[in-house]
Amino acid sequence: MKPPYDKMGMIDSTERGQADHPISEQMKIEVSERAQKWFEQEMGISGKKGVRFLGKVYGSSQIHEGFSVGLDVDEPVSPIGKAEYNGILYYVEDADDWFFNGYDLHVGFDEKQREPEYNFIAQNKED
């Protein structure tokens, strides 16, 4: 199976999910259809709560050694990025800007590990 991103970290547009509502705030969050299904089945989200992506101590990521992406089910307070798919909100809070600053987030799905995978795309900010 072809990964949803190439060697330069660029996302294959055929794998990107389409948000029900425009992605907003400072960063973009995209969640593939397969990852959406995993979150819907595994996380039991209801009401005003959504999936919060956060930085956590332990592990590693493409952008931080010793820190990885954590998950929580909560209500947003001050999101810096958010997207809604199938009525479920996916977001990052301002308190986690230290972890995500300068990057957009694409959430794919690792079929071998049977879990979400997180890919960071450097933001192209014009001065």
Protein backbone atom coordinates (compact mmCIF):
# COMPACT_ATOMS: atom_id res chain seq x y z
CA MET A 1 0.00 0.00 0.00
CA LYS A 2 1.31 3.43 -0.95
CA PRO A 3 1.82 5.77 2.03
CA PRO A 4 -0.32 8.94 1.93
CA TYR A 5 2.83 11.08 1.82
CA ASP A 6 6.01 11.04 -0.21
CA LYS A 7 9.64 11.27 0.93
CA MET A 8 9.37 15.05 1.30
CA GLY A 9 6.37 14.77 3.64
CA MET A 10 3.89 15.99 1.04
CA ILE A 11 0.42 14.50 1.35
CA ASP A 12 -1.15 12.62 -1.55
CA SER A 13 -4.32 14.61 -2.24
CA THR A 14 -6.34 11.44 -2.93
CA GLU A 15 -5.87 10.40 0.72
CA ARG A 16 -6.98 13.70 2.25
CA GLY A 17 -10.39 13.78 3.89
CA GLN A 18 -12.75 16.60 2.98
CA ALA A 19 -13.91 18.62 5.98
CA ASP A 20 -17.64 19.19 6.39
CA HIS A 21 -16.86 22.77 7.47
CA PRO A 22 -13.91 24.95 6.48
CA ILE A 23 -10.73 24.40 8.41
CA SER A 24 -9.95 27.50 10.41
CA GLU A 25 -7.72 29.34 12.85
CA GLN A 26 -3.91 29.26 12.60
CA MET A 27 -3.32 25.69 11.45
CA LYS A 28 -4.99 23.21 9.13
CA ILE A 29 -6.07 19.79 10.31
CA GLU A 30 -6.95 17.08 7.83
CA VAL A 31 -8.17 13.61 8.78
CA SER A 32 -8.28 10.78 6.23
CA GLU A 33 -11.51 8.85 5.81
CA ARG A 34 -9.96 5.69 7.31
CA ALA A 35 -8.69 7.62 10.35
CA GLN A 36 -12.14 9.21 10.76
CA LYS A 37 -13.70 5.75 10.94
CA TRP A 38 -11.17 4.69 13.59
CA PHE A 39 -11.92 7.73 15.77
CA GLU A 40 -15.68 7.22 15.39
CA GLN A 41 -15.46 3.54 16.38
CA GLU A 42 -12.82 3.73 19.11
CA MET A 43 -13.33 7.01 20.95
CA GLY A 44 -17.06 7.15 21.72
CA ILE A 45 -17.51 10.86 21.02
CA SER A 46 -20.85 12.50 21.78
CA GLY A 47 -22.42 15.89 22.36
CA LYS A 48 -20.24 18.98 22.11
CA LYS A 49 -17.04 17.06 22.69
CA GLY A 50 -14.45 16.40 19.99
CA VAL A 51 -11.04 14.84 19.44
CA ARG A 52 -8.26 17.01 20.83
CA PHE A 53 -4.72 16.49 19.53
CA LEU A 54 -2.06 17.53 22.03
CA GLY A 55 1.65 17.30 22.69
CA LYS A 56 2.67 14.81 25.35
CA VAL A 57 5.92 13.86 27.02
CA TYR A 58 7.29 10.48 25.91
CA GLY A 59 7.81 8.97 22.50
CA SER A 60 8.80 10.92 19.43
CA SER A 61 7.31 12.58 16.39
CA GLN A 62 8.50 14.00 13.07
CA ILE A 63 9.03 17.37 14.74
CA HIS A 64 9.99 16.64 18.38
CA GLU A 65 12.25 14.03 19.94
CA GLY A 66 10.93 12.96 23.35
CA PHE A 67 7.38 14.19 22.64
CA SER A 68 4.52 12.62 20.71
CA VAL A 69 0.90 13.31 19.78
CA GLY A 70 -1.64 12.57 22.49
CA LEU A 71 -5.43 12.38 22.24
CA ASP A 72 -8.25 13.48 24.47
CA VAL A 73 -12.01 13.74 24.12
CA ASP A 74 -13.02 17.17 25.34
CA GLU A 75 -14.78 20.43 24.48
CA PRO A 76 -12.67 23.08 22.75
CA VAL A 77 -11.85 26.24 24.71
CA SER A 78 -9.38 28.18 22.58
CA PRO A 79 -8.54 26.19 19.44
CA ILE A 80 -5.74 27.24 17.08
CA GLY A 81 -6.87 24.74 14.46
CA LYS A 82 -10.01 22.74 13.90
CA ALA A 83 -11.94 20.74 11.32
CA GLU A 84 -15.24 18.90 11.44
CA TYR A 85 -15.91 15.58 9.72
CA ASN A 86 -19.19 13.65 10.02
CA GLY A 87 -20.27 15.90 12.91
CA ILE A 88 -17.08 15.25 14.91
CA LEU A 89 -14.76 18.13 15.73
CA TYR A 90 -10.98 17.57 15.54
CA TYR A 91 -8.90 20.34 17.08
CA VAL A 92 -5.70 21.62 18.70
CA GLU A 93 -5.82 24.01 21.66
CA ASP A 94 -3.77 27.17 22.10
CA ALA A 95 -2.06 25.53 25.10
CA ASP A 96 -0.44 23.06 22.67
CA ASP A 97 0.90 25.69 20.28
CA TRP A 98 4.42 24.91 21.59
CA PHE A 99 4.12 21.46 19.98
CA PHE A 100 2.33 22.27 16.70
CA ASN A 101 3.69 25.77 16.00
CA GLY A 102 4.61 26.21 12.32
CA TYR A 103 2.95 23.00 11.16
CA ASP A 104 -0.34 21.75 9.77
CA LEU A 105 -1.48 18.26 10.78
CA HIS A 106 -2.58 15.42 8.54
CA VAL A 107 -3.95 12.38 10.34
CA GLY A 108 -3.74 9.22 8.27
CA PHE A 109 -4.13 5.59 9.22
CA ASP A 110 -1.40 2.96 9.55
CA GLU A 111 -3.01 -0.29 8.36
CA LYS A 112 -0.17 -2.41 9.75
CA GLN A 113 -0.33 -0.90 13.26
CA ARG A 114 -4.14 -0.43 13.02
CA GLU A 115 -3.95 3.08 14.46
CA PRO A 116 -3.82 6.72 13.38
CA GLU A 117 -0.53 8.15 12.14
CA TYR A 118 0.40 11.79 12.36
CA ASN A 119 2.16 13.71 9.61
CA PHE A 120 3.29 17.30 10.03
CA ILE A 121 3.42 19.66 7.08
CA ALA A 122 5.46 22.85 7.42
CA GLN A 123 3.24 25.88 6.96
CA ASN A 124 4.06 28.25 4.13
CA LYS A 125 3.71 31.62 5.82
CA GLU A 126 4.33 34.74 3.78
CA ASP A 127 6.10 37.60 5.53
